[in-house]
Amino acid sequence: MTEIRTPRLLLRRWHDDDLAPMADINADPQVMRWVGDGAVRDLEQTAEDIERWEEEWDDEGFGLFAVELLGSGELIGFTGLTVPEFLPEARSEVSICWRLGSQFWGQGYASEAAQATLEFALTDRGLDRVISISRLGDDASENVIRKLGMEPERETAHPEYGHALSVHAIDLTEYQA
């Protein structure tokens, strides 16, 4: 089983008891504001999401990690790697992404988990390039992206919802520099 420990976090595969806390995170309009069309997701949709994330692990050898606090074992959200199927121009890429419950914002958890995931992508999984896609105006995500050392590459529009997206990238040589 793939696990990553950071000073404060455990990044791991999904467990059955992760469904309810992840559904609570997905039901928060503040959390979902920058995701897709901004709609919240219910328990059934979250169960489908987790099933799809686990299938990506099986199919690709990477996926979205459940992120828990080491001290308490509390699930705080996810971070990980995914093929951004929603964006046709990036379907041959691997994207790093994250979503944490709003009560865990502003404490450096997203950056800590994302940094560990980026290292996993480039050193353990042998990827030579990783992108990140954020919605323009999502300053918190942009801040995490900058901390990862990713550089802006292009702007595009969400093919379904039309809002502006920013694509950042980093490759193995930039990461090692």
N, C-alpha and C. Protein backbone atom coordinates (compact mmCIF):
# COMPACT_ATOMS: atom_id res chain seq x y z
N MET A 1 0.85 -1.19 0.00
CA MET A 1 0.00 0.00 0.00
C MET A 1 0.89 1.24 0.00
N THR A 2 0.54 2.21 -0.80
CA THR A 2 1.32 3.44 -0.93
C THR A 2 0.90 4.43 0.15
N GLU A 3 1.86 4.84 0.95
CA GLU A 3 1.64 5.85 1.98
C GLU A 3 2.83 6.80 1.99
N ILE A 4 2.53 8.05 2.32
CA ILE A 4 3.58 9.05 2.49
C ILE A 4 3.33 9.73 3.84
N ARG A 5 4.38 9.83 4.62
CA ARG A 5 4.29 10.57 5.88
C ARG A 5 5.07 11.87 5.75
N THR A 6 4.47 12.93 6.21
CA THR A 6 5.13 14.22 6.32
C THR A 6 5.20 14.51 7.82
N PRO A 7 5.78 15.62 8.23
CA PRO A 7 5.83 15.89 9.67
C PRO A 7 4.46 15.88 10.37
N ARG A 8 3.40 16.28 9.66
CA ARG A 8 2.09 16.38 10.31
C ARG A 8 1.00 15.53 9.67
N LEU A 9 1.28 14.93 8.51
CA LEU A 9 0.23 14.31 7.72
C LEU A 9 0.57 12.89 7.29
N LEU A 10 -0.49 12.11 7.07
CA LEU A 10 -0.37 10.82 6.42
C LEU A 10 -1.19 10.88 5.14
N LEU A 11 -0.52 10.62 4.02
CA LEU A 11 -1.19 10.52 2.72
C LEU A 11 -1.30 9.04 2.41
N ARG A 12 -2.52 8.57 2.17
CA ARG A 12 -2.76 7.14 2.04
C ARG A 12 -3.92 6.88 1.10
N ARG A 13 -4.11 5.59 0.79
CA ARG A 13 -5.27 5.17 0.01
C ARG A 13 -6.54 5.33 0.85
N TRP A 14 -7.68 5.23 0.19
CA TRP A 14 -8.97 5.50 0.82
C TRP A 14 -9.49 4.30 1.60
N HIS A 15 -10.14 4.59 2.75
CA HIS A 15 -10.80 3.59 3.59
C HIS A 15 -12.31 3.84 3.55
N ASP A 16 -13.08 2.82 3.88
CA ASP A 16 -14.55 2.97 3.89
C ASP A 16 -15.01 4.08 4.81
N ASP A 17 -14.34 4.26 5.95
CA ASP A 17 -14.78 5.28 6.90
C ASP A 17 -14.37 6.70 6.50
N ASP A 18 -13.75 6.86 5.33
CA ASP A 18 -13.42 8.19 4.82
C ASP A 18 -14.61 8.84 4.11
N LEU A 19 -15.62 8.05 3.77
CA LEU A 19 -16.74 8.57 2.97
C LEU A 19 -17.46 9.72 3.66
N ALA A 20 -17.89 9.54 4.88
CA ALA A 20 -18.67 10.59 5.56
C ALA A 20 -17.88 11.88 5.73
N PRO A 21 -16.63 11.84 6.23
CA PRO A 21 -15.91 13.11 6.36
C PRO A 21 -15.60 13.77 5.01
N MET A 22 -15.33 12.97 3.96
CA MET A 22 -15.08 13.58 2.65
C MET A 22 -16.37 14.17 2.09
N ALA A 23 -17.50 13.51 2.34
CA ALA A 23 -18.79 14.05 1.90
C ALA A 23 -19.08 15.38 2.60
N ASP A 24 -18.71 15.49 3.87
CA ASP A 24 -18.89 16.76 4.59
C ASP A 24 -18.06 17.87 3.95
N ILE A 25 -16.83 17.55 3.58
CA ILE A 25 -15.96 18.53 2.91
C ILE A 25 -16.58 18.94 1.58
N ASN A 26 -17.06 17.96 0.80
CA ASN A 26 -17.65 18.24 -0.51
C ASN A 26 -18.98 18.97 -0.42
N ALA A 27 -19.63 18.94 0.74
CA ALA A 27 -20.92 19.61 0.93
C ALA A 27 -20.77 21.07 1.33
N ASP A 28 -19.54 21.52 1.51
CA ASP A 28 -19.27 22.89 1.95
C ASP A 28 -19.15 23.81 0.72
N PRO A 29 -20.08 24.76 0.55
CA PRO A 29 -20.01 25.66 -0.62
C PRO A 29 -18.71 26.45 -0.69
N GLN A 30 -18.14 26.78 0.47
CA GLN A 30 -16.88 27.52 0.48
C GLN A 30 -15.75 26.68 -0.12
N VAL A 31 -15.73 25.39 0.18
CA VAL A 31 -14.72 24.49 -0.35
C VAL A 31 -14.90 24.30 -1.86
N MET A 32 -16.14 24.14 -2.28
CA MET A 32 -16.44 23.78 -3.67
C MET A 32 -16.50 24.99 -4.61
N ARG A 33 -16.35 26.17 -4.07
CA ARG A 33 -16.47 27.40 -4.86
C ARG A 33 -15.63 27.39 -6.13
N TRP A 34 -14.42 26.86 -6.06
CA TRP A 34 -13.47 26.90 -7.18
C TRP A 34 -13.43 25.61 -7.97
N VAL A 35 -14.29 24.65 -7.65
CA VAL A 35 -14.27 23.33 -8.27
C VAL A 35 -15.40 23.21 -9.29
N GLY A 36 -15.06 22.85 -10.53
CA GLY A 36 -16.08 22.64 -11.57
C GLY A 36 -17.01 23.83 -11.69
N ASP A 37 -18.31 23.57 -11.52
CA ASP A 37 -19.30 24.65 -11.60
C ASP A 37 -19.59 25.26 -10.24
N GLY A 38 -18.87 24.82 -9.20
CA GLY A 38 -19.06 25.35 -7.86
C GLY A 38 -20.13 24.64 -7.05
N ALA A 39 -20.76 23.63 -7.64
CA ALA A 39 -21.82 22.92 -6.94
C ALA A 39 -21.24 21.99 -5.87
N VAL A 40 -21.97 21.88 -4.75
CA VAL A 40 -21.56 20.95 -3.71
C VAL A 40 -21.89 19.53 -4.18
N ARG A 41 -21.28 18.55 -3.51
CA ARG A 41 -21.49 17.14 -3.85
C ARG A 41 -22.04 16.42 -2.63
N ASP A 42 -22.97 15.51 -2.87
CA ASP A 42 -23.61 14.79 -1.76
C ASP A 42 -22.87 13.49 -1.47
N LEU A 43 -23.41 12.72 -0.54
CA LEU A 43 -22.78 11.48 -0.11
C LEU A 43 -22.62 10.49 -1.26
N GLU A 44 -23.66 10.32 -2.06
CA GLU A 44 -23.60 9.38 -3.18
C GLU A 44 -22.57 9.81 -4.22
N GLN A 45 -22.54 11.10 -4.54
CA GLN A 45 -21.55 11.60 -5.50
C GLN A 45 -20.13 11.44 -4.96
N THR A 46 -19.96 11.67 -3.66
CA THR A 46 -18.65 11.51 -3.06
C THR A 46 -18.21 10.04 -3.10
N ALA A 47 -19.14 9.13 -2.85
CA ALA A 47 -18.81 7.69 -2.94
C ALA A 47 -18.36 7.35 -4.35
N GLU A 48 -19.04 7.89 -5.36
CA GLU A 48 -18.64 7.66 -6.75
C GLU A 48 -17.26 8.25 -7.02
N ASP A 49 -16.99 9.44 -6.46
CA ASP A 49 -15.68 10.07 -6.62
C ASP A 49 -14.58 9.17 -6.05
N ILE A 50 -14.77 8.71 -4.82
CA ILE A 50 -13.74 7.89 -4.17
C ILE A 50 -13.52 6.60 -4.95
N GLU A 51 -14.59 6.01 -5.45
CA GLU A 51 -14.45 4.80 -6.26
C GLU A 51 -13.63 5.08 -7.52
N ARG A 52 -13.89 6.20 -8.16
CA ARG A 52 -13.14 6.58 -9.37
C ARG A 52 -11.68 6.86 -9.02
N TRP A 53 -11.43 7.51 -7.89
CA TRP A 53 -10.05 7.81 -7.48
C TRP A 53 -9.28 6.52 -7.22
N GLU A 54 -9.92 5.57 -6.59
CA GLU A 54 -9.27 4.28 -6.32
C GLU A 54 -9.01 3.52 -7.63
N GLU A 55 -9.93 3.60 -8.58
CA GLU A 55 -9.72 2.96 -9.89
C GLU A 55 -8.52 3.58 -10.60
N GLU A 56 -8.34 4.89 -10.47
CA GLU A 56 -7.20 5.54 -11.10
C GLU A 56 -5.90 5.02 -10.50
N TRP A 57 -5.88 4.78 -9.18
CA TRP A 57 -4.70 4.17 -8.56
C TRP A 57 -4.40 2.84 -9.22
N ASP A 58 -5.43 2.02 -9.39
CA ASP A 58 -5.25 0.69 -9.96
C ASP A 58 -4.82 0.75 -11.43
N ASP A 59 -5.38 1.70 -12.18
CA ASP A 59 -5.11 1.81 -13.61
C ASP A 59 -3.80 2.53 -13.93
N GLU A 60 -3.49 3.58 -13.17
CA GLU A 60 -2.37 4.46 -13.52
C GLU A 60 -1.14 4.30 -12.60
N GLY A 61 -1.35 3.72 -11.42
CA GLY A 61 -0.25 3.65 -10.46
C GLY A 61 -0.09 4.93 -9.66
N PHE A 62 -1.03 5.83 -9.79
CA PHE A 62 -1.09 7.04 -8.98
C PHE A 62 -2.55 7.43 -8.87
N GLY A 63 -2.81 8.38 -7.97
CA GLY A 63 -4.19 8.82 -7.77
C GLY A 63 -4.25 9.86 -6.67
N LEU A 64 -5.44 10.04 -6.14
CA LEU A 64 -5.65 11.00 -5.06
C LEU A 64 -5.52 10.28 -3.72
N PHE A 65 -4.63 10.82 -2.88
CA PHE A 65 -4.44 10.32 -1.54
C PHE A 65 -5.50 10.91 -0.60
N ALA A 66 -6.01 10.09 0.31
CA ALA A 66 -6.72 10.62 1.47
C ALA A 66 -5.65 11.25 2.36
N VAL A 67 -5.94 12.41 2.93
CA VAL A 67 -4.97 13.09 3.79
C VAL A 67 -5.54 13.14 5.20
N GLU A 68 -4.78 12.60 6.14
CA GLU A 68 -5.22 12.62 7.53
C GLU A 68 -4.15 13.26 8.40
N LEU A 69 -4.61 13.85 9.49
CA LEU A 69 -3.70 14.42 10.48
C LEU A 69 -3.05 13.28 11.25
N LEU A 70 -1.74 13.30 11.35
CA LEU A 70 -1.04 12.24 12.08
C LEU A 70 -1.45 12.18 13.55
N GLY A 71 -1.60 13.33 14.17
CA GLY A 71 -1.90 13.35 15.60
C GLY A 71 -3.25 12.76 15.96
N SER A 72 -4.27 13.02 15.14
CA SER A 72 -5.63 12.62 15.49
C SER A 72 -6.22 11.54 14.58
N GLY A 73 -5.63 11.34 13.40
CA GLY A 73 -6.21 10.41 12.43
C GLY A 73 -7.40 10.98 11.69
N GLU A 74 -7.68 12.25 11.88
CA GLU A 74 -8.83 12.90 11.24
C GLU A 74 -8.56 13.12 9.75
N LEU A 75 -9.54 12.76 8.91
CA LEU A 75 -9.44 13.02 7.49
C LEU A 75 -9.65 14.51 7.25
N ILE A 76 -8.72 15.15 6.53
CA ILE A 76 -8.85 16.58 6.28
C ILE A 76 -9.08 16.89 4.80
N GLY A 77 -9.06 15.87 3.92
CA GLY A 77 -9.30 16.10 2.50
C GLY A 77 -8.45 15.18 1.66
N PHE A 78 -8.06 15.68 0.48
CA PHE A 78 -7.21 14.88 -0.40
C PHE A 78 -6.17 15.74 -1.06
N THR A 79 -5.14 15.09 -1.53
CA THR A 79 -4.18 15.64 -2.46
C THR A 79 -3.70 14.48 -3.31
N GLY A 80 -3.23 14.77 -4.49
CA GLY A 80 -2.72 13.67 -5.30
C GLY A 80 -2.56 14.03 -6.75
N LEU A 81 -2.47 12.98 -7.54
CA LEU A 81 -2.20 13.08 -8.97
C LEU A 81 -3.37 12.51 -9.74
N THR A 82 -3.70 13.16 -10.85
CA THR A 82 -4.80 12.68 -11.68
C THR A 82 -4.57 13.13 -13.12
N VAL A 83 -5.16 12.39 -14.03
CA VAL A 83 -5.20 12.81 -15.43
C VAL A 83 -6.42 13.73 -15.56
N PRO A 84 -6.22 14.98 -15.97
CA PRO A 84 -7.34 15.93 -16.01
C PRO A 84 -8.26 15.70 -17.21
N GLU A 85 -9.12 14.70 -17.09
CA GLU A 85 -10.01 14.30 -18.18
C GLU A 85 -10.94 15.42 -18.61
N PHE A 86 -11.26 16.36 -17.72
CA PHE A 86 -12.20 17.43 -18.03
C PHE A 86 -11.63 18.43 -19.04
N LEU A 87 -10.32 18.45 -19.20
CA LEU A 87 -9.66 19.43 -20.06
C LEU A 87 -8.98 18.72 -21.22
N PRO A 88 -9.64 18.66 -22.38
CA PRO A 88 -9.12 17.87 -23.50
C PRO A 88 -7.66 18.15 -23.85
N GLU A 89 -7.24 19.38 -23.79
CA GLU A 89 -5.86 19.73 -24.16
C GLU A 89 -4.82 19.20 -23.17
N ALA A 90 -5.27 18.72 -22.00
CA ALA A 90 -4.34 18.26 -20.98
C ALA A 90 -4.51 16.78 -20.65
N ARG A 91 -5.25 16.05 -21.46
CA ARG A 91 -5.51 14.64 -21.15
C ARG A 91 -4.27 13.76 -21.22
N SER A 92 -3.20 14.24 -21.82
CA SER A 92 -1.96 13.46 -21.86
C SER A 92 -1.02 13.85 -20.71
N GLU A 93 -1.49 14.71 -19.83
CA GLU A 93 -0.68 15.23 -18.72
C GLU A 93 -1.11 14.57 -17.40
N VAL A 94 -0.32 14.79 -16.37
CA VAL A 94 -0.67 14.41 -15.01
C VAL A 94 -0.70 15.69 -14.18
N SER A 95 -1.80 15.88 -13.49
CA SER A 95 -2.01 17.09 -12.70
C SER A 95 -1.98 16.79 -11.21
N ILE A 96 -1.42 17.70 -10.45
CA ILE A 96 -1.46 17.62 -9.00
C ILE A 96 -2.64 18.47 -8.53
N CYS A 97 -3.40 17.97 -7.57
CA CYS A 97 -4.54 18.73 -7.07
C CYS A 97 -4.76 18.43 -5.59
N TRP A 98 -5.61 19.22 -4.96
CA TRP A 98 -5.87 19.08 -3.54
C TRP A 98 -7.23 19.67 -3.24
N ARG A 99 -7.82 19.22 -2.14
CA ARG A 99 -9.06 19.77 -1.60
C ARG A 99 -9.08 19.45 -0.12
N LEU A 100 -9.11 20.49 0.70
CA LEU A 100 -9.13 20.31 2.14
C LEU A 100 -10.38 20.96 2.72
N GLY A 101 -10.84 20.43 3.84
CA GLY A 101 -11.94 21.07 4.56
C GLY A 101 -11.54 22.48 4.97
N SER A 102 -12.49 23.40 4.95
CA SER A 102 -12.17 24.82 5.19
C SER A 102 -11.58 25.06 6.58
N GLN A 103 -11.91 24.21 7.56
CA GLN A 103 -11.35 24.40 8.89
C GLN A 103 -9.85 24.10 8.93
N PHE A 104 -9.32 23.52 7.85
CA PHE A 104 -7.90 23.18 7.78
C PHE A 104 -7.11 24.13 6.88
N TRP A 105 -7.76 25.16 6.38
CA TRP A 105 -7.09 26.12 5.53
C TRP A 105 -6.18 27.03 6.37
N GLY A 106 -5.17 27.57 5.70
CA GLY A 106 -4.31 28.57 6.33
C GLY A 106 -3.32 28.01 7.34
N GLN A 107 -3.14 26.68 7.36
CA GLN A 107 -2.22 26.07 8.31
C GLN A 107 -1.05 25.38 7.63
N GLY A 108 -0.95 25.53 6.31
CA GLY A 108 0.16 24.95 5.56
C GLY A 108 -0.03 23.48 5.19
N TYR A 109 -1.19 22.91 5.49
CA TYR A 109 -1.40 21.49 5.18
C TYR A 109 -1.42 21.22 3.68
N ALA A 110 -2.08 22.08 2.92
CA ALA A 110 -2.15 21.86 1.47
C ALA A 110 -0.75 21.89 0.86
N SER A 111 0.06 22.86 1.25
CA SER A 111 1.42 22.95 0.72
C SER A 111 2.26 21.75 1.14
N GLU A 112 2.12 21.32 2.39
CA GLU A 112 2.89 20.18 2.90
C GLU A 112 2.52 18.89 2.14
N ALA A 113 1.22 18.68 1.96
CA ALA A 113 0.76 17.48 1.25
C ALA A 113 1.13 17.55 -0.23
N ALA A 114 0.96 18.72 -0.83
CA ALA A 114 1.27 18.86 -2.26
C ALA A 114 2.75 18.69 -2.53
N GLN A 115 3.60 19.22 -1.66
CA GLN A 115 5.05 19.05 -1.84
C GLN A 115 5.44 17.58 -1.78
N ALA A 116 4.87 16.86 -0.83
CA ALA A 116 5.16 15.42 -0.73
C ALA A 116 4.64 14.67 -1.96
N THR A 117 3.50 15.08 -2.46
CA THR A 117 2.93 14.45 -3.65
C THR A 117 3.77 14.74 -4.89
N LEU A 118 4.26 15.97 -5.01
CA LEU A 118 5.11 16.32 -6.15
C LEU A 118 6.39 15.49 -6.12
N GLU A 119 7.00 15.37 -4.96
CA GLU A 119 8.20 14.55 -4.85
C GLU A 119 7.89 13.10 -5.22
N PHE A 120 6.77 12.57 -4.77
CA PHE A 120 6.32 11.22 -5.11
C PHE A 120 6.19 11.07 -6.62
N ALA A 121 5.60 12.07 -7.28
CA ALA A 121 5.38 12.01 -8.73
C ALA A 121 6.69 11.96 -9.49
N LEU A 122 7.62 12.83 -9.11
CA LEU A 122 8.83 13.00 -9.90
C LEU A 122 9.94 12.02 -9.53
N THR A 123 9.94 11.53 -8.30
CA THR A 123 11.01 10.62 -7.91
C THR A 123 10.55 9.17 -7.79
N ASP A 124 9.38 8.93 -7.23
CA ASP A 124 8.90 7.56 -7.04
C ASP A 124 8.19 7.02 -8.29
N ARG A 125 7.33 7.83 -8.89
CA ARG A 125 6.55 7.37 -10.05
C ARG A 125 7.25 7.63 -11.38
N GLY A 126 8.35 8.33 -11.35
CA GLY A 126 9.14 8.52 -12.56
C GLY A 126 8.55 9.46 -13.58
N LEU A 127 7.62 10.29 -13.17
CA LEU A 127 7.08 11.28 -14.10
C LEU A 127 8.14 12.35 -14.35
N ASP A 128 8.21 12.86 -15.57
CA ASP A 128 9.19 13.90 -15.84
C ASP A 128 8.56 15.29 -15.90
N ARG A 129 7.23 15.34 -15.69
CA ARG A 129 6.54 16.63 -15.74
C ARG A 129 5.20 16.49 -15.01
N VAL A 130 4.83 17.54 -14.28
CA VAL A 130 3.55 17.59 -13.58
C VAL A 130 2.96 18.98 -13.81
N ILE A 131 1.65 19.04 -14.01
CA ILE A 131 0.98 20.32 -14.15
C ILE A 131 0.04 20.53 -12.97
N SER A 132 -0.44 21.75 -12.84
CA SER A 132 -1.51 22.06 -11.91
C SER A 132 -2.45 23.02 -12.62
N ILE A 133 -3.74 22.80 -12.45
CA ILE A 133 -4.76 23.62 -13.11
C ILE A 133 -5.56 24.31 -12.02
N SER A 134 -5.61 25.62 -12.08
CA SER A 134 -6.40 26.36 -11.09
C SER A 134 -7.30 27.36 -11.80
N ARG A 135 -8.35 27.70 -11.12
CA ARG A 135 -9.27 28.70 -11.65
C ARG A 135 -8.71 30.08 -11.32
N LEU A 136 -8.74 30.96 -12.31
CA LEU A 136 -8.25 32.32 -12.06
C LEU A 136 -9.06 32.94 -10.93
N GLY A 137 -8.36 33.55 -9.99
CA GLY A 137 -8.99 34.14 -8.83
C GLY A 137 -8.87 33.29 -7.58
N ASP A 138 -8.50 32.03 -7.73
CA ASP A 138 -8.33 31.14 -6.58
C ASP A 138 -6.93 31.37 -6.02
N ASP A 139 -6.81 32.45 -5.26
CA ASP A 139 -5.50 32.88 -4.77
C ASP A 139 -4.85 31.87 -3.84
N ALA A 140 -5.64 31.16 -3.04
CA ALA A 140 -5.07 30.18 -2.12
C ALA A 140 -4.38 29.06 -2.90
N SER A 141 -5.03 28.55 -3.94
CA SER A 141 -4.39 27.51 -4.76
C SER A 141 -3.18 28.05 -5.50
N GLU A 142 -3.28 29.26 -6.00
CA GLU A 142 -2.14 29.88 -6.68
C GLU A 142 -0.93 29.98 -5.73
N ASN A 143 -1.20 30.25 -4.47
CA ASN A 143 -0.12 30.34 -3.49
C ASN A 143 0.56 28.98 -3.30
N VAL A 144 -0.22 27.91 -3.22
CA VAL A 144 0.35 26.57 -3.10
C VAL A 144 1.16 26.24 -4.34
N ILE A 145 0.64 26.57 -5.51
CA ILE A 145 1.32 26.30 -6.78
C ILE A 145 2.68 27.01 -6.82
N ARG A 146 2.71 28.26 -6.39
CA ARG A 146 3.99 29.00 -6.35
C ARG A 146 4.98 28.33 -5.40
N LYS A 147 4.50 27.87 -4.24
CA LYS A 147 5.38 27.20 -3.27
C LYS A 147 5.96 25.91 -3.83
N LEU A 148 5.25 25.28 -4.76
CA LEU A 148 5.75 24.06 -5.40
C LEU A 148 6.82 24.35 -6.45
N GLY A 149 7.00 25.62 -6.78
CA GLY A 149 7.98 25.99 -7.79
C GLY A 149 7.46 25.87 -9.21
N MET A 150 6.15 25.73 -9.36
CA MET A 150 5.57 25.59 -10.70
C MET A 150 5.48 26.96 -11.37
N GLU A 151 5.69 26.95 -12.67
CA GLU A 151 5.68 28.19 -13.45
C GLU A 151 4.41 28.26 -14.30
N PRO A 152 3.86 29.48 -14.46
CA PRO A 152 2.70 29.62 -15.33
C PRO A 152 3.06 29.22 -16.76
N GLU A 153 2.18 28.47 -17.38
CA GLU A 153 2.42 28.00 -18.73
C GLU A 153 1.43 28.58 -19.74
N ARG A 154 0.16 28.57 -19.35
CA ARG A 154 -0.85 29.11 -20.26
C ARG A 154 -2.16 29.32 -19.52
N GLU A 155 -3.00 30.13 -20.13
CA GLU A 155 -4.37 30.28 -19.66
C GLU A 155 -5.28 29.65 -20.69
N THR A 156 -6.38 29.11 -20.20
CA THR A 156 -7.35 28.47 -21.07
C THR A 156 -8.72 28.66 -20.43
N ALA A 157 -9.74 28.11 -21.04
CA ALA A 157 -11.09 28.19 -20.47
C ALA A 157 -11.60 26.79 -20.18
N HIS A 158 -12.36 26.67 -19.11
CA HIS A 158 -13.00 25.39 -18.79
C HIS A 158 -13.94 25.05 -19.94
N PRO A 159 -13.81 23.88 -20.55
CA PRO A 159 -14.59 23.56 -21.75
C PRO A 159 -16.09 23.48 -21.51
N GLU A 160 -16.51 23.20 -20.29
CA GLU A 160 -17.94 23.08 -20.00
C GLU A 160 -18.52 24.35 -19.39
N TYR A 161 -17.78 24.98 -18.47
CA TYR A 161 -18.33 26.10 -17.72
C TYR A 161 -17.82 27.45 -18.18
N GLY A 162 -16.75 27.47 -18.98
CA GLY A 162 -16.28 28.70 -19.59
C GLY A 162 -15.40 29.58 -18.73
N HIS A 163 -15.23 29.28 -17.43
CA HIS A 163 -14.41 30.17 -16.63
C HIS A 163 -12.92 29.97 -16.95
N ALA A 164 -12.16 31.03 -16.68
CA ALA A 164 -10.74 31.04 -17.01
C ALA A 164 -9.95 30.15 -16.07
N LEU A 165 -9.03 29.39 -16.66
CA LEU A 165 -8.15 28.49 -15.92
C LEU A 165 -6.70 28.85 -16.21
N SER A 166 -5.86 28.62 -15.24
CA SER A 166 -4.43 28.82 -15.40
C SER A 166 -3.74 27.47 -15.25
N VAL A 167 -2.87 27.16 -16.19
CA VAL A 167 -2.11 25.91 -16.16
C VAL A 167 -0.66 26.24 -15.82
N HIS A 168 -0.17 25.62 -14.76
CA HIS A 168 1.22 25.76 -14.33
C HIS A 168 1.91 24.42 -14.52
N ALA A 169 3.23 24.43 -14.62
CA ALA A 169 3.96 23.19 -14.83
C ALA A 169 5.32 23.24 -14.16
N ILE A 170 5.83 22.05 -13.90
CA ILE A 170 7.21 21.88 -13.44
C ILE A 170 7.69 20.57 -14.02
N ASP A 171 8.97 20.55 -14.44
CA ASP A 171 9.51 19.27 -14.91
C ASP A 171 10.63 18.83 -13.97
N LEU A 172 11.08 17.64 -14.18
CA LEU A 172 12.05 17.03 -13.28
C LEU A 172 13.32 17.87 -13.16
N THR A 173 13.80 18.43 -14.27
CA THR A 173 15.03 19.23 -14.20
C THR A 173 14.81 20.50 -13.39
N GLU A 174 13.64 21.13 -13.50
CA GLU A 174 13.36 22.32 -12.70
C GLU A 174 13.22 21.96 -11.23
N TYR A 175 12.62 20.80 -10.96
CA TYR A 175 12.42 20.36 -9.59
C TYR A 175 13.75 20.05 -8.90
N GLN A 176 14.68 19.47 -9.63
CA GLN A 176 15.97 19.10 -9.05
C GLN A 176 16.92 20.28 -8.93
N ALA A 177 16.64 21.37 -9.65
CA ALA A 177 17.55 22.51 -9.67
C ALA A 177 17.64 23.22 -8.33
